[in-house]
Amino acid sequence: MNENILKRFGHENLNTLEEFRGTVPTTENLCVEVYNILERGFRHAQIEKIRMEETMLNSFEYAGGREIRS
């Protein structure tokens, strides 16, 4: 987490990063990017979903397209 996520995205202007060239670095897109990085590189456990909270009223979850639809 520290090397692949926090050092990569923490305290950075996401608009300048290669990962978001051609897309807007919204919470939704950042969540998808973090999920994909962890799914590719983290073999000690299965990644079920990623949840990011911007505020108490604004959050996003991503489960690799396996989200439960209501």
PDB file of N, CA and C in Angstrom:
ATOM      1  N   MET A   1       0.817  -1.191   0.000  1.00  0.00           N
ATOM      2  CA  MET A   1       0.000   0.000   0.000  1.00  0.00           C
ATOM      3  C   MET A   1       0.863   1.257   0.000  1.00  0.00           C
ATOM      4  N   ASN A   2       1.855   1.282   0.850  1.00  0.00           N
ATOM      5  CA  ASN A   2       2.666   2.485   0.951  1.00  0.00           C
ATOM      6  C   ASN A   2       3.383   2.794  -0.362  1.00  0.00           C
ATOM      7  N   GLU A   3       4.049   1.815  -0.945  1.00  0.00           N
ATOM      8  CA  GLU A   3       4.812   2.034  -2.172  1.00  0.00           C
ATOM      9  C   GLU A   3       3.915   2.250  -3.384  1.00  0.00           C
ATOM     10  N   ASN A   4       2.934   1.385  -3.548  1.00  0.00           N
ATOM     11  CA  ASN A   4       2.137   1.392  -4.778  1.00  0.00           C
ATOM     12  C   ASN A   4       0.972   2.366  -4.781  1.00  0.00           C
ATOM     13  N   ILE A   5       0.505   2.779  -3.630  1.00  0.00           N
ATOM     14  CA  ILE A   5      -0.663   3.665  -3.582  1.00  0.00           C
ATOM     15  C   ILE A   5      -0.317   5.005  -2.935  1.00  0.00           C
ATOM     16  N   LEU A   6       0.096   4.988  -1.682  1.00  0.00           N
ATOM     17  CA  LEU A   6       0.302   6.242  -0.952  1.00  0.00           C
ATOM     18  C   LEU A   6       1.421   7.096  -1.538  1.00  0.00           C
ATOM     19  N   LYS A   7       2.566   6.493  -1.830  1.00  0.00           N
ATOM     20  CA  LYS A   7       3.664   7.277  -2.403  1.00  0.00           C
ATOM     21  C   LYS A   7       3.350   7.708  -3.834  1.00  0.00           C
ATOM     22  N   ARG A   8       2.560   6.917  -4.525  1.00  0.00           N
ATOM     23  CA  ARG A   8       2.235   7.207  -5.919  1.00  0.00           C
ATOM     24  C   ARG A   8       1.215   8.343  -6.053  1.00  0.00           C
ATOM     25  N   PHE A   9       0.191   8.353  -5.190  1.00  0.00           N
ATOM     26  CA  PHE A   9      -0.909   9.297  -5.343  1.00  0.00           C
ATOM     27  C   PHE A   9      -1.002  10.338  -4.228  1.00  0.00           C
ATOM     28  N   GLY A  10      -0.399  10.077  -3.080  1.00  0.00           N
ATOM     29  CA  GLY A  10      -0.520  10.985  -1.945  1.00  0.00           C
ATOM     30  C   GLY A  10       0.171  12.312  -2.193  1.00  0.00           C
ATOM     31  N   HIS A  11      -0.504  13.393  -1.869  1.00  0.00           N
ATOM     32  CA  HIS A  11       0.039  14.751  -1.975  1.00  0.00           C
ATOM     33  C   HIS A  11       0.534  15.066  -3.386  1.00  0.00           C
ATOM     34  N   GLU A  12      -0.165  14.553  -4.378  1.00  0.00           N
ATOM     35  CA  GLU A  12       0.180  14.796  -5.776  1.00  0.00           C
ATOM     36  C   GLU A  12      -0.956  15.521  -6.474  1.00  0.00           C
ATOM     37  N   ASN A  13      -0.625  16.263  -7.496  1.00  0.00           N
ATOM     38  CA  ASN A  13      -1.631  16.827  -8.381  1.00  0.00           C
ATOM     39  C   ASN A  13      -1.988  15.718  -9.364  1.00  0.00           C
ATOM     40  N   LEU A  14      -3.120  15.081  -9.152  1.00  0.00           N
ATOM     41  CA  LEU A  14      -3.499  13.920  -9.961  1.00  0.00           C
ATOM     42  C   LEU A  14      -3.624  14.262 -11.441  1.00  0.00           C
ATOM     43  N   ASN A  15      -3.896  15.518 -11.751  1.00  0.00           N
ATOM     44  CA  ASN A  15      -4.008  15.934 -13.146  1.00  0.00           C
ATOM     45  C   ASN A  15      -2.698  15.783 -13.910  1.00  0.00           C
ATOM     46  N   THR A  16      -1.574  15.735 -13.206  1.00  0.00           N
ATOM     47  CA  THR A  16      -0.274  15.658 -13.868  1.00  0.00           C
ATOM     48  C   THR A  16       0.252  14.235 -13.992  1.00  0.00           C
ATOM     49  N   LEU A  17      -0.443  13.251 -13.442  1.00  0.00           N
ATOM     50  CA  LEU A  17       0.049  11.873 -13.437  1.00  0.00           C
ATOM     51  C   LEU A  17      -0.322  11.130 -14.716  1.00  0.00           C
ATOM     52  N   GLU A  18       0.572  10.267 -15.135  1.00  0.00           N
ATOM     53  CA  GLU A  18       0.379   9.469 -16.350  1.00  0.00           C
ATOM     54  C   GLU A  18      -0.904   8.649 -16.311  1.00  0.00           C
ATOM     55  N   GLU A  19      -1.267   8.136 -15.148  1.00  0.00           N
ATOM     56  CA  GLU A  19      -2.459   7.301 -15.011  1.00  0.00           C
ATOM     57  C   GLU A  19      -3.733   8.026 -15.440  1.00  0.00           C
ATOM     58  N   PHE A  20      -3.729   9.345 -15.338  1.00  0.00           N
ATOM     59  CA  PHE A  20      -4.933  10.115 -15.634  1.00  0.00           C
ATOM     60  C   PHE A  20      -4.792  10.977 -16.880  1.00  0.00           C
ATOM     61  N   ARG A  21      -3.792  10.677 -17.679  1.00  0.00           N
ATOM     62  CA  ARG A  21      -3.672  11.373 -18.959  1.00  0.00           C
ATOM     63  C   ARG A  21      -4.818  10.897 -19.842  1.00  0.00           C
ATOM     64  N   GLY A  22      -5.655  11.796 -20.264  1.00  0.00           N
ATOM     65  CA  GLY A  22      -6.785  11.430 -21.108  1.00  0.00           C
ATOM     66  C   GLY A  22      -8.064  11.162 -20.341  1.00  0.00           C
ATOM     67  N   THR A  23      -8.026  11.282 -19.000  1.00  0.00           N
ATOM     68  CA  THR A  23      -9.232  11.114 -18.187  1.00  0.00           C
ATOM     69  C   THR A  23      -9.182  12.075 -17.009  1.00  0.00           C
ATOM     70  N   VAL A  24     -10.312  12.369 -16.464  1.00  0.00           N
ATOM     71  CA  VAL A  24     -10.388  13.274 -15.313  1.00  0.00           C
ATOM     72  C   VAL A  24     -10.148  12.462 -14.028  1.00  0.00           C
ATOM     73  N   PRO A  25      -9.263  12.916 -13.138  1.00  0.00           N
ATOM     74  CA  PRO A  25      -8.979  12.159 -11.916  1.00  0.00           C
ATOM     75  C   PRO A  25     -10.044  12.353 -10.835  1.00  0.00           C
ATOM     76  N   THR A  26     -11.243  11.913 -11.128  1.00  0.00           N
ATOM     77  CA  THR A  26     -12.323  11.973 -10.143  1.00  0.00           C
ATOM     78  C   THR A  26     -12.100  10.903  -9.079  1.00  0.00           C
ATOM     79  N   THR A  27     -12.855  10.980  -8.008  1.00  0.00           N
ATOM     80  CA  THR A  27     -12.788   9.934  -6.984  1.00  0.00           C
ATOM     81  C   THR A  27     -13.105   8.580  -7.592  1.00  0.00           C
ATOM     82  N   GLU A  28     -14.074   8.553  -8.495  1.00  0.00           N
ATOM     83  CA  GLU A  28     -14.450   7.297  -9.145  1.00  0.00           C
ATOM     84  C   GLU A  28     -13.283   6.721  -9.942  1.00  0.00           C
ATOM     85  N   ASN A  29     -12.613   7.554 -10.740  1.00  0.00           N
ATOM     86  CA  ASN A  29     -11.490   7.072 -11.538  1.00  0.00           C
ATOM     87  C   ASN A  29     -10.284   6.706 -10.682  1.00  0.00           C
ATOM     88  N   LEU A  30     -10.043   7.441  -9.614  1.00  0.00           N
ATOM     89  CA  LEU A  30      -8.957   7.093  -8.694  1.00  0.00           C
ATOM     90  C   LEU A  30      -9.247   5.761  -8.017  1.00  0.00           C
ATOM     91  N   CYS A  31     -10.474   5.540  -7.635  1.00  0.00           N
ATOM     92  CA  CYS A  31     -10.871   4.291  -6.998  1.00  0.00           C
ATOM     93  C   CYS A  31     -10.638   3.105  -7.940  1.00  0.00           C
ATOM     94  N   VAL A  32     -11.000   3.246  -9.196  1.00  0.00           N
ATOM     95  CA  VAL A  32     -10.789   2.191 -10.195  1.00  0.00           C
ATOM     96  C   VAL A  32      -9.293   1.934 -10.365  1.00  0.00           C
ATOM     97  N   GLU A  33      -8.497   2.983 -10.440  1.00  0.00           N
ATOM     98  CA  GLU A  33      -7.049   2.837 -10.610  1.00  0.00           C
ATOM     99  C   GLU A  33      -6.420   2.114  -9.418  1.00  0.00           C
ATOM    100  N   VAL A  34      -6.801   2.489  -8.204  1.00  0.00           N
ATOM    101  CA  VAL A  34      -6.279   1.832  -6.997  1.00  0.00           C
ATOM    102  C   VAL A  34      -6.694   0.368  -6.980  1.00  0.00           C
ATOM    103  N   TYR A  35      -7.939   0.082  -7.306  1.00  0.00           N
ATOM    104  CA  TYR A  35      -8.412  -1.310  -7.361  1.00  0.00           C
ATOM    105  C   TYR A  35      -7.551  -2.114  -8.339  1.00  0.00           C
ATOM    106  N   ASN A  36      -7.338  -1.584  -9.520  1.00  0.00           N
ATOM    107  CA  ASN A  36      -6.566  -2.314 -10.541  1.00  0.00           C
ATOM    108  C   ASN A  36      -5.125  -2.545 -10.108  1.00  0.00           C
ATOM    109  N   ILE A  37      -4.506  -1.560  -9.488  1.00  0.00           N
ATOM    110  CA  ILE A  37      -3.133  -1.720  -8.999  1.00  0.00           C
ATOM    111  C   ILE A  37      -3.075  -2.827  -7.947  1.00  0.00           C
ATOM    112  N   LEU A  38      -3.995  -2.798  -7.001  1.00  0.00           N
ATOM    113  CA  LEU A  38      -3.993  -3.808  -5.943  1.00  0.00           C
ATOM    114  C   LEU A  38      -4.329  -5.198  -6.480  1.00  0.00           C
ATOM    115  N   GLU A  39      -5.257  -5.272  -7.409  1.00  0.00           N
ATOM    116  CA  GLU A  39      -5.621  -6.579  -7.955  1.00  0.00           C
ATOM    117  C   GLU A  39      -4.459  -7.207  -8.730  1.00  0.00           C
ATOM    118  N   ARG A  40      -3.704  -6.386  -9.453  1.00  0.00           N
ATOM    119  CA  ARG A  40      -2.549  -6.894 -10.218  1.00  0.00           C
ATOM    120  C   ARG A  40      -1.388  -7.281  -9.312  1.00  0.00           C
ATOM    121  N   GLY A  41      -1.145  -6.476  -8.257  1.00  0.00           N
ATOM    122  CA  GLY A  41       0.089  -6.642  -7.523  1.00  0.00           C
ATOM    123  C   GLY A  41      -0.002  -7.218  -6.131  1.00  0.00           C
ATOM    124  N   PHE A  42      -1.174  -7.430  -5.620  1.00  0.00           N
ATOM    125  CA  PHE A  42      -1.325  -7.900  -4.243  1.00  0.00           C
ATOM    126  C   PHE A  42      -1.848  -9.327  -4.266  1.00  0.00           C
ATOM    127  N   ARG A  43      -0.967 -10.283  -3.985  1.00  0.00           N
ATOM    128  CA  ARG A  43      -1.326 -11.692  -4.102  1.00  0.00           C
ATOM    129  C   ARG A  43      -1.608 -12.376  -2.767  1.00  0.00           C
ATOM    130  N   HIS A  44      -1.507 -11.632  -1.653  1.00  0.00           N
ATOM    131  CA  HIS A  44      -1.688 -12.233  -0.337  1.00  0.00           C
ATOM    132  C   HIS A  44      -3.159 -12.389   0.043  1.00  0.00           C
ATOM    133  N   ALA A  45      -4.018 -11.699  -0.685  1.00  0.00           N
ATOM    134  CA  ALA A  45      -5.454 -11.780  -0.418  1.00  0.00           C
ATOM    135  C   ALA A  45      -6.193 -11.340  -1.674  1.00  0.00           C
ATOM    136  N   GLN A  46      -7.455 -11.668  -1.734  1.00  0.00           N
ATOM    137  CA  GLN A  46      -8.275 -11.253  -2.864  1.00  0.00           C
ATOM    138  C   GLN A  46      -8.872  -9.872  -2.563  1.00  0.00           C
ATOM    139  N   ILE A  47      -8.773  -8.970  -3.506  1.00  0.00           N
ATOM    140  CA  ILE A  47      -9.363  -7.644  -3.352  1.00  0.00           C
ATOM    141  C   ILE A  47     -10.849  -7.755  -3.676  1.00  0.00           C
ATOM    142  N   GLU A  48     -11.691  -7.436  -2.707  1.00  0.00           N
ATOM    143  CA  GLU A  48     -13.137  -7.502  -2.914  1.00  0.00           C
ATOM    144  C   GLU A  48     -13.670  -6.201  -3.494  1.00  0.00           C
ATOM    145  N   LYS A  49     -13.302  -5.096  -2.862  1.00  0.00           N
ATOM    146  CA  LYS A  49     -13.720  -3.788  -3.367  1.00  0.00           C
ATOM    147  C   LYS A  49     -12.888  -2.706  -2.704  1.00  0.00           C
ATOM    148  N   ILE A  50     -12.911  -1.553  -3.326  1.00  0.00           N
ATOM    149  CA  ILE A  50     -12.250  -0.363  -2.811  1.00  0.00           C
ATOM    150  C   ILE A  50     -13.327   0.670  -2.530  1.00  0.00           C
ATOM    151  N   ARG A  51     -13.224   1.346  -1.399  1.00  0.00           N
ATOM    152  CA  ARG A  51     -14.163   2.422  -1.057  1.00  0.00           C
ATOM    153  C   ARG A  51     -13.355   3.652  -0.691  1.00  0.00           C
ATOM    154  N   MET A  52     -13.701   4.762  -1.304  1.00  0.00           N
ATOM    155  CA  MET A  52     -13.066   6.034  -0.986  1.00  0.00           C
ATOM    156  C   MET A  52     -14.136   7.017  -0.558  1.00  0.00           C
ATOM    157  N   GLU A  53     -13.822   7.762   0.482  1.00  0.00           N
ATOM    158  CA  GLU A  53     -14.744   8.775   0.983  1.00  0.00           C
ATOM    159  C   GLU A  53     -14.100  10.144   0.846  1.00  0.00           C
ATOM    160  N   GLU A  54     -14.794  11.035   0.167  1.00  0.00           N
ATOM    161  CA  GLU A  54     -14.341  12.425   0.048  1.00  0.00           C
ATOM    162  C   GLU A  54     -14.842  13.234   1.236  1.00  0.00           C
ATOM    163  N   THR A  55     -16.116  13.054   1.536  1.00  0.00           N
ATOM    164  CA  THR A  55     -16.750  13.731   2.664  1.00  0.00           C
ATOM    165  C   THR A  55     -17.691  12.730   3.320  1.00  0.00           C
ATOM    166  N   MET A  56     -18.365  13.152   4.380  1.00  0.00           N
ATOM    167  CA  MET A  56     -19.323  12.258   5.035  1.00  0.00           C
ATOM    168  C   MET A  56     -20.473  11.884   4.098  1.00  0.00           C
ATOM    169  N   LEU A  57     -20.752  12.725   3.124  1.00  0.00           N
ATOM    170  CA  LEU A  57     -21.882  12.501   2.236  1.00  0.00           C
ATOM    171  C   LEU A  57     -21.497  12.083   0.823  1.00  0.00           C
ATOM    172  N   ASN A  58     -20.206  11.993   0.539  1.00  0.00           N
ATOM    173  CA  ASN A  58     -19.766  11.675  -0.811  1.00  0.00           C
ATOM    174  C   ASN A  58     -18.698  10.582  -0.780  1.00  0.00           C
ATOM    175  N   SER A  59     -19.053   9.417  -1.311  1.00  0.00           N
ATOM    176  CA  SER A  59     -18.109   8.304  -1.363  1.00  0.00           C
ATOM    177  C   SER A  59     -18.352   7.505  -2.636  1.00  0.00           C
ATOM    178  N   PHE A  60     -17.412   6.609  -2.948  1.00  0.00           N
ATOM    179  CA  PHE A  60     -17.517   5.772  -4.128  1.00  0.00           C
ATOM    180  C   PHE A  60     -16.908   4.413  -3.819  1.00  0.00           C
ATOM    181  N   GLU A  61     -17.542   3.366  -4.323  1.00  0.00           N
ATOM    182  CA  GLU A  61     -17.029   2.001  -4.187  1.00  0.00           C
ATOM    183  C   GLU A  61     -16.865   1.391  -5.569  1.00  0.00           C
ATOM    184  N   TYR A  62     -15.806   0.575  -5.709  1.00  0.00           N
ATOM    185  CA  TYR A  62     -15.578  -0.124  -6.970  1.00  0.00           C
ATOM    186  C   TYR A  62     -15.160  -1.546  -6.648  1.00  0.00           C
ATOM    187  N   ALA A  63     -15.788  -2.495  -7.334  1.00  0.00           N
ATOM    188  CA  ALA A  63     -15.516  -3.922  -7.097  1.00  0.00           C
ATOM    189  C   ALA A  63     -15.166  -4.629  -8.386  1.00  0.00           C
ATOM    190  N   GLY A  64     -14.468  -3.940  -9.275  1.00  0.00           N
ATOM    191  CA  GLY A  64     -14.014  -4.569 -10.509  1.00  0.00           C
ATOM    192  C   GLY A  64     -15.140  -4.955 -11.464  1.00  0.00           C
ATOM    193  N   GLY A  65     -16.253  -4.246 -11.393  1.00  0.00           N
ATOM    194  CA  GLY A  65     -17.390  -4.569 -12.240  1.00  0.00           C
ATOM    195  C   GLY A  65     -18.326  -5.600 -11.640  1.00  0.00           C
ATOM    196  N   ARG A  66     -18.009  -6.043 -10.427  1.00  0.00           N
ATOM    197  CA  ARG A  66     -18.847  -7.047  -9.749  1.00  0.00           C
ATOM    198  C   ARG A  66     -19.738  -6.426  -8.677  1.00  0.00           C
ATOM    199  N   GLU A  67     -20.005  -5.118  -8.812  1.00  0.00           N
ATOM    200  CA  GLU A  67     -20.854  -4.433  -7.841  1.00  0.00           C
ATOM    201  C   GLU A  67     -22.264  -4.993  -7.875  1.00  0.00           C
ATOM    202  N   ILE A  68     -22.896  -4.989  -6.741  1.00  0.00           N
ATOM    203  CA  ILE A  68     -24.282  -5.427  -6.649  1.00  0.00           C
ATOM    204  C   ILE A  68     -25.169  -4.291  -7.153  1.00  0.00           C
ATOM    205  N   ARG A  69     -26.008  -4.597  -8.094  1.00  0.00           N
ATOM    206  CA  ARG A  69     -26.924  -3.590  -8.663  1.00  0.00           C
ATOM    207  C   ARG A  69     -28.295  -3.746  -8.026  1.00  0.00           C
ATOM    208  N   SER A  70     -28.915  -2.643  -7.674  1.00  0.00           N
ATOM    209  CA  SER A  70     -30.255  -2.735  -7.078  1.00  0.00           C
ATOM    210  C   SER A  70     -31.302  -2.246  -8.047  1.00  0.00           C
TER     211      SER A  70
END
